[in-house]
mmCIF file of all heavy atoms, coordinates in Angstrom:
data_MODEL
# 
_entry.id   MODEL 
# 
loop_
_atom_site.group_PDB 
_atom_site.id 
_atom_site.type_symbol 
_atom_site.label_atom_id 
_atom_site.label_alt_id 
_atom_site.label_comp_id 
_atom_site.label_asym_id 
_atom_site.label_entity_id 
_atom_site.label_seq_id 
_atom_site.pdbx_PDB_ins_code 
_atom_site.Cartn_x 
_atom_site.Cartn_y 
_atom_site.Cartn_z 
_atom_site.occupancy 
_atom_site.B_iso_or_equiv 
_atom_site.pdbx_formal_charge 
_atom_site.auth_seq_id 
_atom_site.auth_comp_id 
_atom_site.auth_asym_id 
_atom_site.auth_atom_id 
_atom_site.pdbx_PDB_model_num 
ATOM 1   N N   . PHE A 1 1  ? -10.486 5.124   -10.417 1.00 0.00 ? 1  PHE A N   1 
ATOM 2   C CA  . PHE A 1 1  ? -10.861 4.114   -9.432  1.00 0.00 ? 1  PHE A CA  1 
ATOM 3   C C   . PHE A 1 1  ? -12.162 4.525   -8.749  1.00 0.00 ? 1  PHE A C   1 
ATOM 4   O O   . PHE A 1 1  ? -13.063 3.704   -8.553  1.00 0.00 ? 1  PHE A O   1 
ATOM 5   C CB  . PHE A 1 1  ? -9.767  3.939   -8.383  1.00 0.00 ? 1  PHE A CB  1 
ATOM 6   C CG  . PHE A 1 1  ? -10.072 2.865   -7.367  1.00 0.00 ? 1  PHE A CG  1 
ATOM 7   C CD1 . PHE A 1 1  ? -9.558  1.586   -7.523  1.00 0.00 ? 1  PHE A CD1 1 
ATOM 8   C CD2 . PHE A 1 1  ? -10.890 3.119   -6.274  1.00 0.00 ? 1  PHE A CD2 1 
ATOM 9   C CE1 . PHE A 1 1  ? -9.848  0.581   -6.600  1.00 0.00 ? 1  PHE A CE1 1 
ATOM 10  C CE2 . PHE A 1 1  ? -11.186 2.130   -5.350  1.00 0.00 ? 1  PHE A CE2 1 
ATOM 11  C CZ  . PHE A 1 1  ? -10.672 0.862   -5.516  1.00 0.00 ? 1  PHE A CZ  1 
ATOM 12  N N   . THR A 1 2  ? -12.261 5.784   -8.371  1.00 0.00 ? 2  THR A N   1 
ATOM 13  C CA  . THR A 1 2  ? -13.468 6.272   -7.703  1.00 0.00 ? 2  THR A CA  1 
ATOM 14  C C   . THR A 1 2  ? -14.695 6.112   -8.598  1.00 0.00 ? 2  THR A C   1 
ATOM 15  O O   . THR A 1 2  ? -15.760 5.662   -8.145  1.00 0.00 ? 2  THR A O   1 
ATOM 16  C CB  . THR A 1 2  ? -13.299 7.755   -7.318  1.00 0.00 ? 2  THR A CB  1 
ATOM 17  O OG1 . THR A 1 2  ? -12.184 7.883   -6.424  1.00 0.00 ? 2  THR A OG1 1 
ATOM 18  C CG2 . THR A 1 2  ? -14.547 8.283   -6.636  1.00 0.00 ? 2  THR A CG2 1 
ATOM 19  N N   . LEU A 1 3  ? -14.558 6.468   -9.867  1.00 0.00 ? 3  LEU A N   1 
ATOM 20  C CA  . LEU A 1 3  ? -15.677 6.324   -10.794 1.00 0.00 ? 3  LEU A CA  1 
ATOM 21  C C   . LEU A 1 3  ? -16.052 4.859   -10.981 1.00 0.00 ? 3  LEU A C   1 
ATOM 22  O O   . LEU A 1 3  ? -17.240 4.505   -11.014 1.00 0.00 ? 3  LEU A O   1 
ATOM 23  C CB  . LEU A 1 3  ? -15.313 6.949   -12.147 1.00 0.00 ? 3  LEU A CB  1 
ATOM 24  C CG  . LEU A 1 3  ? -15.115 8.472   -12.154 1.00 0.00 ? 3  LEU A CG  1 
ATOM 25  C CD1 . LEU A 1 3  ? -14.639 8.935   -13.522 1.00 0.00 ? 3  LEU A CD1 1 
ATOM 26  C CD2 . LEU A 1 3  ? -16.413 9.174   -11.768 1.00 0.00 ? 3  LEU A CD2 1 
ATOM 27  N N   . GLY A 1 4  ? -15.012 3.998   -11.103 1.00 0.00 ? 4  GLY A N   1 
ATOM 28  C CA  . GLY A 1 4  ? -15.289 2.569   -11.265 1.00 0.00 ? 4  GLY A CA  1 
ATOM 29  C C   . GLY A 1 4  ? -15.942 1.975   -10.041 1.00 0.00 ? 4  GLY A C   1 
ATOM 30  O O   . GLY A 1 4  ? -16.901 1.199   -10.140 1.00 0.00 ? 4  GLY A O   1 
ATOM 31  N N   . ALA A 1 5  ? -15.469 2.343   -8.855  1.00 0.00 ? 5  ALA A N   1 
ATOM 32  C CA  . ALA A 1 5  ? -16.014 1.799   -7.611  1.00 0.00 ? 5  ALA A CA  1 
ATOM 33  C C   . ALA A 1 5  ? -17.423 2.307   -7.350  1.00 0.00 ? 5  ALA A C   1 
ATOM 34  O O   . ALA A 1 5  ? -18.252 1.611   -6.742  1.00 0.00 ? 5  ALA A O   1 
ATOM 35  C CB  . ALA A 1 5  ? -15.100 2.160   -6.444  1.00 0.00 ? 5  ALA A CB  1 
ATOM 36  N N   . ALA A 1 6  ? -17.707 3.539   -7.779  1.00 0.00 ? 6  ALA A N   1 
ATOM 37  C CA  . ALA A 1 6  ? -19.028 4.125   -7.528  1.00 0.00 ? 6  ALA A CA  1 
ATOM 38  C C   . ALA A 1 6  ? -20.126 3.382   -8.278  1.00 0.00 ? 6  ALA A C   1 
ATOM 39  O O   . ALA A 1 6  ? -21.284 3.362   -7.823  1.00 0.00 ? 6  ALA A O   1 
ATOM 40  C CB  . ALA A 1 6  ? -19.026 5.595   -7.925  1.00 0.00 ? 6  ALA A CB  1 
ATOM 41  N N   . ALA A 1 7  ? -19.787 2.768   -9.399  1.00 0.00 ? 7  ALA A N   1 
ATOM 42  C CA  . ALA A 1 7  ? -20.811 2.099   -10.212 1.00 0.00 ? 7  ALA A CA  1 
ATOM 43  C C   . ALA A 1 7  ? -21.448 0.909   -9.489  1.00 0.00 ? 7  ALA A C   1 
ATOM 44  O O   . ALA A 1 7  ? -22.678 0.881   -9.308  1.00 0.00 ? 7  ALA A O   1 
ATOM 45  C CB  . ALA A 1 7  ? -20.207 1.671   -11.554 1.00 0.00 ? 7  ALA A CB  1 
ATOM 46  N N   . PRO A 1 8  ? -20.693 -0.098  -9.031  1.00 0.00 ? 8  PRO A N   1 
ATOM 47  C CA  . PRO A 1 8  ? -21.325 -1.195  -8.293  1.00 0.00 ? 8  PRO A CA  1 
ATOM 48  C C   . PRO A 1 8  ? -21.883 -0.755  -6.939  1.00 0.00 ? 8  PRO A C   1 
ATOM 49  O O   . PRO A 1 8  ? -22.860 -1.330  -6.456  1.00 0.00 ? 8  PRO A O   1 
ATOM 50  C CB  . PRO A 1 8  ? -20.194 -2.211  -8.115  1.00 0.00 ? 8  PRO A CB  1 
ATOM 51  C CG  . PRO A 1 8  ? -18.932 -1.431  -8.254  1.00 0.00 ? 8  PRO A CG  1 
ATOM 52  C CD  . PRO A 1 8  ? -19.252 -0.347  -9.236  1.00 0.00 ? 8  PRO A CD  1 
ATOM 53  N N   . LEU A 1 9  ? -21.289 0.275   -6.335  1.00 0.00 ? 9  LEU A N   1 
ATOM 54  C CA  . LEU A 1 9  ? -21.793 0.770   -5.055  1.00 0.00 ? 9  LEU A CA  1 
ATOM 55  C C   . LEU A 1 9  ? -23.184 1.369   -5.224  1.00 0.00 ? 9  LEU A C   1 
ATOM 56  O O   . LEU A 1 9  ? -24.071 1.177   -4.370  1.00 0.00 ? 9  LEU A O   1 
ATOM 57  C CB  . LEU A 1 9  ? -20.830 1.814   -4.496  1.00 0.00 ? 9  LEU A CB  1 
ATOM 58  C CG  . LEU A 1 9  ? -21.172 2.397   -3.113  1.00 0.00 ? 9  LEU A CG  1 
ATOM 59  C CD1 . LEU A 1 9  ? -21.274 1.286   -2.073  1.00 0.00 ? 9  LEU A CD1 1 
ATOM 60  C CD2 . LEU A 1 9  ? -20.117 3.421   -2.712  1.00 0.00 ? 9  LEU A CD2 1 
ATOM 61  N N   . LEU A 1 10 ? -23.404 2.080   -6.319  1.00 0.00 ? 10 LEU A N   1 
ATOM 62  C CA  . LEU A 1 10 ? -24.723 2.646   -6.587  1.00 0.00 ? 10 LEU A CA  1 
ATOM 63  C C   . LEU A 1 10 ? -25.763 1.549   -6.795  1.00 0.00 ? 10 LEU A C   1 
ATOM 64  O O   . LEU A 1 10 ? -26.899 1.657   -6.312  1.00 0.00 ? 10 LEU A O   1 
ATOM 65  C CB  . LEU A 1 10 ? -24.651 3.549   -7.825  1.00 0.00 ? 10 LEU A CB  1 
ATOM 66  C CG  . LEU A 1 10 ? -25.965 4.207   -8.257  1.00 0.00 ? 10 LEU A CG  1 
ATOM 67  C CD1 . LEU A 1 10 ? -26.481 5.118   -7.153  1.00 0.00 ? 10 LEU A CD1 1 
ATOM 68  C CD2 . LEU A 1 10 ? -25.766 4.999   -9.554  1.00 0.00 ? 10 LEU A CD2 1 
ATOM 69  N N   . VAL A 1 11 ? -25.371 0.499   -7.482  1.00 0.00 ? 11 VAL A N   1 
ATOM 70  C CA  . VAL A 1 11 ? -26.296 -0.632  -7.694  1.00 0.00 ? 11 VAL A CA  1 
ATOM 71  C C   . VAL A 1 11 ? -26.647 -1.276  -6.366  1.00 0.00 ? 11 VAL A C   1 
ATOM 72  O O   . VAL A 1 11 ? -27.814 -1.601  -6.101  1.00 0.00 ? 11 VAL A O   1 
ATOM 73  C CB  . VAL A 1 11 ? -25.671 -1.668  -8.647  1.00 0.00 ? 11 VAL A CB  1 
ATOM 74  C CG1 . VAL A 1 11 ? -26.545 -2.913  -8.743  1.00 0.00 ? 11 VAL A CG1 1 
ATOM 75  C CG2 . VAL A 1 11 ? -25.464 -1.058  -10.033 1.00 0.00 ? 11 VAL A CG2 1 
ATOM 76  N N   . ALA A 1 12 ? -25.659 -1.460  -5.505  1.00 0.00 ? 12 ALA A N   1 
ATOM 77  C CA  . ALA A 1 12 ? -25.910 -2.055  -4.188  1.00 0.00 ? 12 ALA A CA  1 
ATOM 78  C C   . ALA A 1 12 ? -26.817 -1.170  -3.347  1.00 0.00 ? 12 ALA A C   1 
ATOM 79  O O   . ALA A 1 12 ? -27.609 -1.662  -2.534  1.00 0.00 ? 12 ALA A O   1 
ATOM 80  C CB  . ALA A 1 12 ? -24.590 -2.283  -3.468  1.00 0.00 ? 12 ALA A CB  1 
ATOM 81  N N   . LEU A 1 13 ? -26.713 0.128   -3.549  1.00 0.00 ? 13 LEU A N   1 
ATOM 82  C CA  . LEU A 1 13 ? -27.517 1.073   -2.781  1.00 0.00 ? 13 LEU A CA  1 
ATOM 83  C C   . LEU A 1 13 ? -28.995 0.982   -3.132  1.00 0.00 ? 13 LEU A C   1 
ATOM 84  O O   . LEU A 1 13 ? -29.860 1.067   -2.258  1.00 0.00 ? 13 LEU A O   1 
ATOM 85  C CB  . LEU A 1 13 ? -27.001 2.496   -3.017  1.00 0.00 ? 13 LEU A CB  1 
ATOM 86  C CG  . LEU A 1 13 ? -27.771 3.636   -2.336  1.00 0.00 ? 13 LEU A CG  1 
ATOM 87  C CD1 . LEU A 1 13 ? -27.654 3.514   -0.821  1.00 0.00 ? 13 LEU A CD1 1 
ATOM 88  C CD2 . LEU A 1 13 ? -27.246 4.986   -2.811  1.00 0.00 ? 13 LEU A CD2 1 
ATOM 89  N N   . ILE A 1 14 ? -29.311 0.789   -4.410  1.00 0.00 ? 14 ILE A N   1 
ATOM 90  C CA  . ILE A 1 14 ? -30.718 0.815   -4.845  1.00 0.00 ? 14 ILE A CA  1 
ATOM 91  C C   . ILE A 1 14 ? -31.331 -0.577  -4.960  1.00 0.00 ? 14 ILE A C   1 
ATOM 92  O O   . ILE A 1 14 ? -32.557 -0.693  -5.040  1.00 0.00 ? 14 ILE A O   1 
ATOM 93  C CB  . ILE A 1 14 ? -30.845 1.556   -6.192  1.00 0.00 ? 14 ILE A CB  1 
ATOM 94  C CG1 . ILE A 1 14 ? -30.065 0.825   -7.294  1.00 0.00 ? 14 ILE A CG1 1 
ATOM 95  C CG2 . ILE A 1 14 ? -30.349 2.996   -6.066  1.00 0.00 ? 14 ILE A CG2 1 
ATOM 96  C CD1 . ILE A 1 14 ? -30.182 1.479   -8.666  1.00 0.00 ? 14 ILE A CD1 1 
ATOM 97  N N   . ALA A 1 15 ? -30.506 -1.619  -4.953  1.00 0.00 ? 15 ALA A N   1 
ATOM 98  C CA  . ALA A 1 15 ? -31.049 -2.969  -5.113  1.00 0.00 ? 15 ALA A CA  1 
ATOM 99  C C   . ALA A 1 15 ? -31.615 -3.482  -3.797  1.00 0.00 ? 15 ALA A C   1 
ATOM 100 O O   . ALA A 1 15 ? -31.097 -3.160  -2.720  1.00 0.00 ? 15 ALA A O   1 
ATOM 101 C CB  . ALA A 1 15 ? -29.958 -3.916  -5.605  1.00 0.00 ? 15 ALA A CB  1 
ATOM 102 N N   . PRO A 1 16 ? -32.684 -4.293  -3.835  1.00 0.00 ? 16 PRO A N   1 
ATOM 103 C CA  . PRO A 1 16 ? -33.183 -4.946  -2.605  1.00 0.00 ? 16 PRO A CA  1 
ATOM 104 C C   . PRO A 1 16 ? -32.102 -5.841  -2.019  1.00 0.00 ? 16 PRO A C   1 
ATOM 105 O O   . PRO A 1 16 ? -31.233 -6.341  -2.747  1.00 0.00 ? 16 PRO A O   1 
ATOM 106 C CB  . PRO A 1 16 ? -34.374 -5.780  -3.107  1.00 0.00 ? 16 PRO A CB  1 
ATOM 107 C CG  . PRO A 1 16 ? -34.752 -5.172  -4.417  1.00 0.00 ? 16 PRO A CG  1 
ATOM 108 C CD  . PRO A 1 16 ? -33.493 -4.643  -5.018  1.00 0.00 ? 16 PRO A CD  1 
ATOM 109 N N   . VAL A 1 17 ? -32.144 -6.039  -0.719  1.00 0.00 ? 17 VAL A N   1 
ATOM 110 C CA  . VAL A 1 17 ? -31.111 -6.834  -0.052  1.00 0.00 ? 17 VAL A CA  1 
ATOM 111 C C   . VAL A 1 17 ? -30.978 -8.212  -0.687  1.00 0.00 ? 17 VAL A C   1 
ATOM 112 O O   . VAL A 1 17 ? -29.862 -8.706  -0.917  1.00 0.00 ? 17 VAL A O   1 
ATOM 113 C CB  . VAL A 1 17 ? -31.438 -6.970  1.455   1.00 0.00 ? 17 VAL A CB  1 
ATOM 114 C CG1 . VAL A 1 17 ? -30.458 -7.933  2.123   1.00 0.00 ? 17 VAL A CG1 1 
ATOM 115 C CG2 . VAL A 1 17 ? -31.370 -5.615  2.134   1.00 0.00 ? 17 VAL A CG2 1 
ATOM 116 N N   . SER A 1 18 ? -32.088 -8.835  -0.984  1.00 0.00 ? 18 SER A N   1 
ATOM 117 C CA  . SER A 1 18 ? -32.060 -10.201 -1.533  1.00 0.00 ? 18 SER A CA  1 
ATOM 118 C C   . SER A 1 18 ? -31.482 -10.261 -2.945  1.00 0.00 ? 18 SER A C   1 
ATOM 119 O O   . SER A 1 18 ? -31.093 -11.336 -3.413  1.00 0.00 ? 18 SER A O   1 
ATOM 120 C CB  . SER A 1 18 ? -33.469 -10.791 -1.544  1.00 0.00 ? 18 SER A CB  1 
ATOM 121 O OG  . SER A 1 18 ? -34.332 -9.981  -2.342  1.00 0.00 ? 18 SER A OG  1 
ATOM 122 N N   . ALA A 1 19 ? -31.406 -9.109  -3.609  1.00 0.00 ? 19 ALA A N   1 
ATOM 123 C CA  . ALA A 1 19 ? -30.952 -9.096  -5.009  1.00 0.00 ? 19 ALA A CA  1 
ATOM 124 C C   . ALA A 1 19 ? -29.598 -8.424  -5.178  1.00 0.00 ? 19 ALA A C   1 
ATOM 125 O O   . ALA A 1 19 ? -29.136 -8.235  -6.302  1.00 0.00 ? 19 ALA A O   1 
ATOM 126 C CB  . ALA A 1 19 ? -31.986 -8.384  -5.879  1.00 0.00 ? 19 ALA A CB  1 
ATOM 127 N N   . ILE A 1 20 ? -28.940 -8.063  -4.074  1.00 0.00 ? 20 ILE A N   1 
ATOM 128 C CA  . ILE A 1 20 ? -27.670 -7.346  -4.187  1.00 0.00 ? 20 ILE A CA  1 
ATOM 129 C C   . ILE A 1 20 ? -26.629 -8.170  -4.934  1.00 0.00 ? 20 ILE A C   1 
ATOM 130 O O   . ILE A 1 20 ? -25.957 -7.665  -5.844  1.00 0.00 ? 20 ILE A O   1 
ATOM 131 C CB  . ILE A 1 20 ? -27.138 -6.951  -2.784  1.00 0.00 ? 20 ILE A CB  1 
ATOM 132 C CG1 . ILE A 1 20 ? -27.992 -5.839  -2.193  1.00 0.00 ? 20 ILE A CG1 1 
ATOM 133 C CG2 . ILE A 1 20 ? -25.683 -6.507  -2.875  1.00 0.00 ? 20 ILE A CG2 1 
ATOM 134 C CD1 . ILE A 1 20 ? -27.560 -5.401  -0.801  1.00 0.00 ? 20 ILE A CD1 1 
ATOM 135 N N   . VAL A 1 21 ? -26.480 -9.432  -4.574  1.00 0.00 ? 21 VAL A N   1 
ATOM 136 C CA  . VAL A 1 21 ? -25.436 -10.256 -5.195  1.00 0.00 ? 21 VAL A CA  1 
ATOM 137 C C   . VAL A 1 21 ? -25.620 -10.371 -6.701  1.00 0.00 ? 21 VAL A C   1 
ATOM 138 O O   . VAL A 1 21 ? -24.705 -10.045 -7.473  1.00 0.00 ? 21 VAL A O   1 
ATOM 139 C CB  . VAL A 1 21 ? -25.366 -11.648 -4.533  1.00 0.00 ? 21 VAL A CB  1 
ATOM 140 C CG1 . VAL A 1 21 ? -24.412 -12.553 -5.316  1.00 0.00 ? 21 VAL A CG1 1 
ATOM 141 C CG2 . VAL A 1 21 ? -24.891 -11.519 -3.088  1.00 0.00 ? 21 VAL A CG2 1 
ATOM 142 N N   . PRO A 1 22 ? -26.780 -10.841 -7.210  1.00 0.00 ? 22 PRO A N   1 
ATOM 143 C CA  . PRO A 1 22 ? -26.913 -10.937 -8.669  1.00 0.00 ? 22 PRO A CA  1 
ATOM 144 C C   . PRO A 1 22 ? -26.905 -9.576  -9.361  1.00 0.00 ? 22 PRO A C   1 
ATOM 145 O O   . PRO A 1 22 ? -26.363 -9.453  -10.474 1.00 0.00 ? 22 PRO A O   1 
ATOM 146 C CB  . PRO A 1 22 ? -28.259 -11.646 -8.852  1.00 0.00 ? 22 PRO A CB  1 
ATOM 147 C CG  . PRO A 1 22 ? -29.004 -11.423 -7.588  1.00 0.00 ? 22 PRO A CG  1 
ATOM 148 C CD  . PRO A 1 22 ? -27.965 -11.378 -6.518  1.00 0.00 ? 22 PRO A CD  1 
ATOM 149 N N   . ALA A 1 23 ? -27.492 -8.558  -8.721  1.00 0.00 ? 23 ALA A N   1 
ATOM 150 C CA  . ALA A 1 23 ? -27.542 -7.245  -9.363  1.00 0.00 ? 23 ALA A CA  1 
ATOM 151 C C   . ALA A 1 23 ? -26.144 -6.657  -9.533  1.00 0.00 ? 23 ALA A C   1 
ATOM 152 O O   . ALA A 1 23 ? -25.793 -6.154  -10.610 1.00 0.00 ? 23 ALA A O   1 
ATOM 153 C CB  . ALA A 1 23 ? -28.421 -6.303  -8.537  1.00 0.00 ? 23 ALA A CB  1 
ATOM 154 N N   . VAL A 1 24 ? -25.345 -6.705  -8.471  1.00 0.00 ? 24 VAL A N   1 
ATOM 155 C CA  . VAL A 1 24 ? -23.989 -6.167  -8.545  1.00 0.00 ? 24 VAL A CA  1 
ATOM 156 C C   . VAL A 1 24 ? -23.134 -6.993  -9.497  1.00 0.00 ? 24 VAL A C   1 
ATOM 157 O O   . VAL A 1 24 ? -22.332 -6.455  -10.262 1.00 0.00 ? 24 VAL A O   1 
ATOM 158 C CB  . VAL A 1 24 ? -23.353 -6.116  -7.141  1.00 0.00 ? 24 VAL A CB  1 
ATOM 159 C CG1 . VAL A 1 24 ? -21.866 -5.774  -7.226  1.00 0.00 ? 24 VAL A CG1 1 
ATOM 160 C CG2 . VAL A 1 24 ? -24.071 -5.091  -6.274  1.00 0.00 ? 24 VAL A CG2 1 
ATOM 161 N N   . PHE A 1 25 ? -23.318 -8.307  -9.466  1.00 0.00 ? 25 PHE A N   1 
ATOM 162 C CA  . PHE A 1 25 ? -22.541 -9.196  -10.341 1.00 0.00 ? 25 PHE A CA  1 
ATOM 163 C C   . PHE A 1 25 ? -22.783 -8.841  -11.810 1.00 0.00 ? 25 PHE A C   1 
ATOM 164 O O   . PHE A 1 25 ? -21.840 -8.636  -12.582 1.00 0.00 ? 25 PHE A O   1 
ATOM 165 C CB  . PHE A 1 25 ? -22.936 -10.650 -10.084 1.00 0.00 ? 25 PHE A CB  1 
ATOM 166 C CG  . PHE A 1 25 ? -21.983 -11.653 -10.669 1.00 0.00 ? 25 PHE A CG  1 
ATOM 167 C CD1 . PHE A 1 25 ? -20.984 -12.215 -9.899  1.00 0.00 ? 25 PHE A CD1 1 
ATOM 168 C CD2 . PHE A 1 25 ? -22.086 -12.045 -11.992 1.00 0.00 ? 25 PHE A CD2 1 
ATOM 169 C CE1 . PHE A 1 25 ? -20.098 -13.139 -10.430 1.00 0.00 ? 25 PHE A CE1 1 
ATOM 170 C CE2 . PHE A 1 25 ? -21.211 -12.960 -12.537 1.00 0.00 ? 25 PHE A CE2 1 
ATOM 171 C CZ  . PHE A 1 25 ? -20.212 -13.516 -11.752 1.00 0.00 ? 25 PHE A CZ  1 
ATOM 172 N N   . VAL A 1 26 ? -24.045 -8.758  -12.196 1.00 0.00 ? 26 VAL A N   1 
ATOM 173 C CA  . VAL A 1 26 ? -24.387 -8.471  -13.595 1.00 0.00 ? 26 VAL A CA  1 
ATOM 174 C C   . VAL A 1 26 ? -23.965 -7.052  -13.975 1.00 0.00 ? 26 VAL A C   1 
ATOM 175 O O   . VAL A 1 26 ? -23.384 -6.820  -15.043 1.00 0.00 ? 26 VAL A O   1 
ATOM 176 C CB  . VAL A 1 26 ? -25.900 -8.667  -13.837 1.00 0.00 ? 26 VAL A CB  1 
ATOM 177 C CG1 . VAL A 1 26 ? -26.285 -8.171  -15.230 1.00 0.00 ? 26 VAL A CG1 1 
ATOM 178 C CG2 . VAL A 1 26 ? -26.276 -10.127 -13.668 1.00 0.00 ? 26 VAL A CG2 1 
# 
């Protein structure tokens, strides 16, 4: 679970605020 959760969290961390939704979704 930790490994799975860390993946979208890392994307949210590095993505611009305006792109968090599509970046995390994809």
